[in-house]
């Protein structure tokens, strides 16, 4: 932003990519799909990997497709679920612009 104006077409910093990559999580009902309850479970971000195939630009439209690719339980002092999520960002032409992989931990 320069002087309060958005500079369309400029490159978005790579540190912003994870926010874009996980944006599809807003559409997931955690209680129903992951059996997680924000009011009593502890939910942590475990790790993240990101591949970008070209720079993302301010003002461009992306389609984010997300998928839960793995779920398993780990035992310990307090059992927890490990959930792996993969999301793919595509531009208006359907060309893949990034791939994001995230691990979320849900302590029960």
N, C-alpha and C. Protein backbone atom coordinates (compact mmCIF):
# COMPACT_ATOMS: atom_id res chain seq x y z
N UNK A 1 0.85 -1.16 0.00
CA UNK A 1 0.00 0.00 0.00
C UNK A 1 0.90 1.23 0.00
N UNK A 2 0.67 2.12 -0.91
CA UNK A 2 1.43 3.36 -0.98
C UNK A 2 0.45 4.51 -0.86
N UNK A 3 0.63 5.33 0.18
CA UNK A 3 -0.26 6.47 0.36
C UNK A 3 -1.71 6.07 0.53
N UNK A 4 -1.96 4.89 1.10
CA UNK A 4 -3.33 4.44 1.34
C UNK A 4 -3.97 3.75 0.14
N UNK A 5 -3.26 3.62 -0.97
CA UNK A 5 -3.82 2.98 -2.15
C UNK A 5 -3.24 1.58 -2.31
N UNK A 6 -4.08 0.63 -2.64
CA UNK A 6 -3.63 -0.74 -2.89
C UNK A 6 -2.95 -0.79 -4.26
N UNK A 7 -1.81 -1.41 -4.31
CA UNK A 7 -1.03 -1.48 -5.55
C UNK A 7 -1.28 -2.81 -6.24
N UNK A 8 -2.37 -2.89 -7.00
CA UNK A 8 -2.70 -4.14 -7.68
C UNK A 8 -1.58 -4.56 -8.62
N UNK A 9 -1.38 -5.86 -8.69
CA UNK A 9 -0.37 -6.41 -9.57
C UNK A 9 1.00 -6.54 -8.92
N UNK A 10 1.19 -5.96 -7.73
CA UNK A 10 2.47 -6.13 -7.05
C UNK A 10 2.51 -7.49 -6.36
N UNK A 11 3.70 -7.99 -6.13
CA UNK A 11 3.90 -9.31 -5.54
C UNK A 11 3.57 -9.30 -4.05
N UNK A 12 2.85 -10.34 -3.61
CA UNK A 12 2.54 -10.53 -2.19
C UNK A 12 3.75 -11.18 -1.54
N UNK A 13 4.18 -10.71 -0.35
CA UNK A 13 5.32 -11.34 0.32
C UNK A 13 5.03 -12.82 0.64
N UNK A 14 6.03 -13.70 0.49
CA UNK A 14 5.84 -15.13 0.75
C UNK A 14 5.33 -15.43 2.17
N UNK A 15 5.59 -14.56 3.13
CA UNK A 15 5.11 -14.80 4.50
C UNK A 15 3.58 -14.77 4.57
N UNK A 16 2.92 -14.23 3.57
CA UNK A 16 1.46 -14.16 3.52
C UNK A 16 0.85 -15.45 2.96
N UNK A 17 1.62 -16.24 2.22
CA UNK A 17 1.10 -17.42 1.53
C UNK A 17 0.38 -18.41 2.46
N UNK A 18 0.91 -18.71 3.67
CA UNK A 18 0.20 -19.66 4.54
C UNK A 18 -1.21 -19.21 4.89
N UNK A 19 -1.44 -17.92 5.01
CA UNK A 19 -2.78 -17.42 5.30
C UNK A 19 -3.70 -17.75 4.15
N UNK A 20 -3.22 -17.56 2.94
CA UNK A 20 -4.01 -17.89 1.75
C UNK A 20 -4.24 -19.40 1.69
N UNK A 21 -3.19 -20.17 1.95
CA UNK A 21 -3.27 -21.63 1.86
C UNK A 21 -4.24 -22.26 2.82
N UNK A 22 -4.39 -21.69 4.00
CA UNK A 22 -5.30 -22.25 5.01
C UNK A 22 -6.67 -21.58 5.03
N UNK A 23 -6.92 -20.68 4.09
CA UNK A 23 -8.18 -19.94 4.11
C UNK A 23 -9.41 -20.84 3.96
N UNK A 24 -9.24 -22.00 3.33
CA UNK A 24 -10.39 -22.88 3.15
C UNK A 24 -10.88 -23.46 4.49
N UNK A 25 -10.06 -23.40 5.54
CA UNK A 25 -10.48 -23.94 6.84
C UNK A 25 -11.71 -23.24 7.39
N UNK A 26 -11.96 -22.03 6.94
CA UNK A 26 -13.16 -21.31 7.37
C UNK A 26 -14.42 -22.07 6.99
N UNK A 27 -14.34 -22.87 5.95
CA UNK A 27 -15.51 -23.61 5.45
C UNK A 27 -15.71 -24.94 6.16
N UNK A 28 -14.76 -25.35 7.01
CA UNK A 28 -14.85 -26.64 7.69
C UNK A 28 -15.55 -26.48 9.03
N UNK A 29 -16.50 -27.35 9.30
CA UNK A 29 -17.15 -27.41 10.61
C UNK A 29 -16.29 -28.34 11.48
N UNK A 30 -15.44 -27.75 12.34
CA UNK A 30 -14.50 -28.55 13.13
C UNK A 30 -15.20 -29.58 14.01
N UNK A 31 -16.34 -29.22 14.58
CA UNK A 31 -17.06 -30.18 15.44
C UNK A 31 -17.54 -31.38 14.65
N UNK A 32 -18.05 -31.12 13.46
CA UNK A 32 -18.64 -32.20 12.66
C UNK A 32 -17.56 -33.01 11.92
N UNK A 33 -16.65 -32.33 11.24
CA UNK A 33 -15.71 -33.01 10.36
C UNK A 33 -14.45 -33.51 11.06
N UNK A 34 -13.99 -32.80 12.09
CA UNK A 34 -12.78 -33.22 12.79
C UNK A 34 -13.05 -33.65 14.23
N UNK A 35 -14.29 -33.61 14.63
CA UNK A 35 -14.70 -33.96 16.00
C UNK A 35 -13.88 -33.16 17.02
N UNK A 36 -13.66 -31.88 16.72
CA UNK A 36 -12.91 -31.00 17.62
C UNK A 36 -13.86 -29.97 18.20
N UNK A 37 -13.67 -29.65 19.45
CA UNK A 37 -14.51 -28.67 20.14
C UNK A 37 -13.63 -27.54 20.66
N UNK A 38 -13.75 -26.37 20.04
CA UNK A 38 -12.93 -25.22 20.44
C UNK A 38 -13.06 -24.90 21.93
N UNK A 39 -14.22 -25.20 22.52
CA UNK A 39 -14.46 -24.82 23.91
C UNK A 39 -13.72 -25.70 24.92
N UNK A 40 -13.33 -26.92 24.52
CA UNK A 40 -12.65 -27.79 25.49
C UNK A 40 -11.39 -28.46 24.97
N UNK A 41 -11.20 -28.54 23.66
CA UNK A 41 -10.00 -29.15 23.09
C UNK A 41 -8.93 -28.08 22.85
N UNK A 42 -7.67 -28.50 22.90
CA UNK A 42 -6.57 -27.60 22.56
C UNK A 42 -6.16 -27.91 21.13
N UNK A 43 -6.19 -26.90 20.27
CA UNK A 43 -5.85 -27.09 18.87
C UNK A 43 -4.58 -26.30 18.59
N UNK A 44 -3.56 -27.00 18.06
CA UNK A 44 -2.26 -26.38 17.78
C UNK A 44 -1.86 -26.61 16.33
N UNK A 45 -1.13 -25.65 15.81
CA UNK A 45 -0.54 -25.80 14.47
C UNK A 45 0.78 -26.53 14.65
N UNK A 46 0.96 -27.67 13.98
CA UNK A 46 2.15 -28.48 14.16
C UNK A 46 3.31 -28.10 13.25
N UNK A 47 3.11 -28.21 11.96
CA UNK A 47 4.17 -27.87 11.00
C UNK A 47 3.52 -27.46 9.69
N UNK A 48 4.34 -26.91 8.80
CA UNK A 48 3.79 -26.46 7.53
C UNK A 48 4.87 -26.48 6.45
N UNK A 49 4.46 -26.87 5.26
CA UNK A 49 5.33 -26.83 4.10
C UNK A 49 4.62 -26.09 2.99
N UNK A 50 5.38 -25.44 2.16
CA UNK A 50 4.77 -24.63 1.12
C UNK A 50 5.61 -24.69 -0.15
N UNK A 51 4.96 -24.92 -1.27
CA UNK A 51 5.62 -24.86 -2.58
C UNK A 51 4.89 -23.80 -3.39
N UNK A 52 5.62 -22.84 -3.88
CA UNK A 52 4.95 -21.87 -4.76
C UNK A 52 5.60 -21.92 -6.13
N UNK A 53 4.75 -21.88 -7.14
CA UNK A 53 5.20 -22.09 -8.51
C UNK A 53 5.38 -20.78 -9.28
N UNK A 54 4.82 -19.72 -8.72
CA UNK A 54 5.02 -18.37 -9.24
C UNK A 54 4.57 -17.40 -8.16
N UNK A 55 4.97 -16.14 -8.24
CA UNK A 55 4.55 -15.17 -7.22
C UNK A 55 3.03 -14.94 -7.24
N UNK A 56 2.46 -14.71 -6.07
CA UNK A 56 1.06 -14.31 -5.97
C UNK A 56 1.02 -12.79 -6.07
N UNK A 57 -0.04 -12.28 -6.69
CA UNK A 57 -0.13 -10.85 -6.94
C UNK A 57 -1.32 -10.23 -6.21
N UNK A 58 -1.14 -9.02 -5.75
CA UNK A 58 -2.24 -8.28 -5.11
C UNK A 58 -3.35 -8.11 -6.13
N UNK A 59 -4.57 -8.42 -5.72
CA UNK A 59 -5.74 -8.23 -6.58
C UNK A 59 -6.13 -9.41 -7.43
N UNK A 60 -5.29 -10.44 -7.51
CA UNK A 60 -5.67 -11.57 -8.35
C UNK A 60 -6.65 -12.49 -7.60
N UNK A 61 -7.45 -13.21 -8.35
CA UNK A 61 -8.42 -14.14 -7.79
C UNK A 61 -7.86 -15.55 -7.84
N UNK A 62 -7.94 -16.25 -6.70
CA UNK A 62 -7.47 -17.62 -6.63
C UNK A 62 -8.61 -18.52 -6.17
N UNK A 63 -8.56 -19.76 -6.61
CA UNK A 63 -9.48 -20.79 -6.11
C UNK A 63 -8.65 -21.71 -5.22
N UNK A 64 -9.10 -21.89 -3.97
CA UNK A 64 -8.39 -22.73 -3.02
C UNK A 64 -9.17 -24.03 -2.85
N UNK A 65 -8.49 -25.15 -3.10
CA UNK A 65 -9.09 -26.47 -2.90
C UNK A 65 -8.35 -27.14 -1.76
N UNK A 66 -9.07 -27.52 -0.72
CA UNK A 66 -8.43 -28.14 0.43
C UNK A 66 -8.93 -29.55 0.67
N UNK A 67 -8.06 -30.34 1.27
CA UNK A 67 -8.40 -31.73 1.56
C UNK A 67 -7.67 -32.18 2.82
N UNK A 68 -8.38 -32.91 3.66
CA UNK A 68 -7.75 -33.55 4.81
C UNK A 68 -7.18 -34.86 4.28
N UNK A 69 -5.85 -34.98 4.31
CA UNK A 69 -5.20 -36.13 3.66
C UNK A 69 -4.82 -37.24 4.63
N UNK A 70 -4.79 -36.95 5.95
CA UNK A 70 -4.42 -37.98 6.91
C UNK A 70 -4.91 -37.59 8.30
N UNK A 71 -5.38 -38.57 9.05
CA UNK A 71 -5.79 -38.37 10.44
C UNK A 71 -5.38 -39.61 11.22
N UNK A 72 -4.67 -39.41 12.34
CA UNK A 72 -4.35 -40.54 13.21
C UNK A 72 -4.19 -40.04 14.64
N UNK A 73 -4.28 -40.97 15.57
CA UNK A 73 -4.18 -40.63 16.99
C UNK A 73 -2.80 -41.00 17.52
N UNK A 74 -2.25 -40.14 18.36
CA UNK A 74 -0.98 -40.41 19.04
C UNK A 74 -1.28 -40.55 20.53
N UNK A 75 -0.61 -41.49 21.17
CA UNK A 75 -0.77 -41.71 22.62
C UNK A 75 0.34 -40.99 23.36
N UNK A 76 0.08 -40.58 24.56
CA UNK A 76 1.06 -39.92 25.41
C UNK A 76 0.40 -39.60 26.74
N UNK A 77 0.95 -38.64 27.46
CA UNK A 77 0.31 -38.22 28.71
C UNK A 77 -1.12 -37.79 28.43
N UNK A 78 -1.28 -37.16 27.31
CA UNK A 78 -2.59 -36.69 26.86
C UNK A 78 -2.72 -37.06 25.39
N UNK A 79 -3.66 -37.96 25.04
CA UNK A 79 -3.78 -38.37 23.63
C UNK A 79 -4.16 -37.18 22.74
N UNK A 80 -3.69 -37.24 21.49
CA UNK A 80 -4.05 -36.19 20.54
C UNK A 80 -4.15 -36.73 19.14
N UNK A 81 -4.94 -36.05 18.33
CA UNK A 81 -5.10 -36.40 16.93
C UNK A 81 -4.14 -35.56 16.10
N UNK A 82 -3.58 -36.17 15.07
CA UNK A 82 -2.70 -35.48 14.13
C UNK A 82 -3.45 -35.44 12.79
N UNK A 83 -3.66 -34.24 12.28
CA UNK A 83 -4.43 -34.07 11.06
C UNK A 83 -3.55 -33.36 10.03
N UNK A 84 -3.42 -33.98 8.86
CA UNK A 84 -2.65 -33.37 7.78
C UNK A 84 -3.62 -32.80 6.75
N UNK A 85 -3.38 -31.55 6.41
CA UNK A 85 -4.26 -30.84 5.47
C UNK A 85 -3.41 -30.37 4.30
N UNK A 86 -3.93 -30.56 3.10
CA UNK A 86 -3.25 -30.09 1.90
C UNK A 86 -4.18 -29.14 1.16
N UNK A 87 -3.66 -28.02 0.72
CA UNK A 87 -4.47 -27.11 -0.09
C UNK A 87 -3.69 -26.69 -1.33
N UNK A 88 -4.45 -26.51 -2.39
CA UNK A 88 -3.88 -26.12 -3.68
C UNK A 88 -4.55 -24.83 -4.10
N UNK A 89 -3.73 -23.86 -4.50
CA UNK A 89 -4.25 -22.60 -5.03
C UNK A 89 -4.10 -22.57 -6.54
N UNK A 90 -5.19 -22.22 -7.22
CA UNK A 90 -5.17 -22.13 -8.68
C UNK A 90 -5.64 -20.75 -9.11
N UNK A 91 -5.08 -20.27 -10.23
CA UNK A 91 -5.51 -18.97 -10.74
C UNK A 91 -6.78 -19.14 -11.59
N UNK A 92 -7.25 -18.05 -12.17
CA UNK A 92 -8.50 -18.10 -12.95
C UNK A 92 -8.45 -19.05 -14.14
N UNK A 93 -7.25 -19.33 -14.63
CA UNK A 93 -7.10 -20.25 -15.76
C UNK A 93 -7.00 -21.70 -15.30
N UNK A 94 -7.02 -21.92 -13.97
CA UNK A 94 -6.92 -23.27 -13.43
C UNK A 94 -5.49 -23.76 -13.27
N UNK A 95 -4.53 -22.85 -13.42
CA UNK A 95 -3.11 -23.21 -13.29
C UNK A 95 -2.73 -23.20 -11.81
N UNK A 96 -2.08 -24.28 -11.36
CA UNK A 96 -1.68 -24.39 -9.96
C UNK A 96 -0.59 -23.37 -9.67
N UNK A 97 -0.81 -22.53 -8.63
CA UNK A 97 0.17 -21.51 -8.27
C UNK A 97 0.87 -21.82 -6.95
N UNK A 98 0.24 -22.65 -6.10
CA UNK A 98 0.92 -23.08 -4.87
C UNK A 98 0.32 -24.36 -4.33
N UNK A 99 1.09 -25.03 -3.49
CA UNK A 99 0.66 -26.22 -2.75
C UNK A 99 1.07 -26.00 -1.30
N UNK A 100 0.14 -26.19 -0.39
CA UNK A 100 0.42 -26.00 1.03
C UNK A 100 0.07 -27.29 1.78
N UNK A 101 0.97 -27.70 2.69
CA UNK A 101 0.69 -28.85 3.56
C UNK A 101 0.84 -28.39 5.00
N UNK A 102 -0.16 -28.69 5.83
CA UNK A 102 -0.14 -28.28 7.23
C UNK A 102 -0.52 -29.45 8.12
N UNK A 103 0.05 -29.46 9.31
CA UNK A 103 -0.30 -30.47 10.31
C UNK A 103 -0.91 -29.73 11.49
N UNK A 104 -2.08 -30.20 11.92
CA UNK A 104 -2.78 -29.63 13.06
C UNK A 104 -2.89 -30.71 14.13
N UNK A 105 -2.63 -30.33 15.37
CA UNK A 105 -2.73 -31.24 16.50
C UNK A 105 -3.95 -30.87 17.34
N UNK A 106 -4.77 -31.86 17.67
CA UNK A 106 -5.94 -31.63 18.51
C UNK A 106 -5.80 -32.49 19.75
N UNK A 107 -5.54 -31.82 20.88
CA UNK A 107 -5.39 -32.52 22.16
C UNK A 107 -6.77 -32.69 22.77
N UNK A 108 -7.09 -33.92 23.16
CA UNK A 108 -8.42 -34.24 23.73
C UNK A 108 -8.38 -34.19 25.23
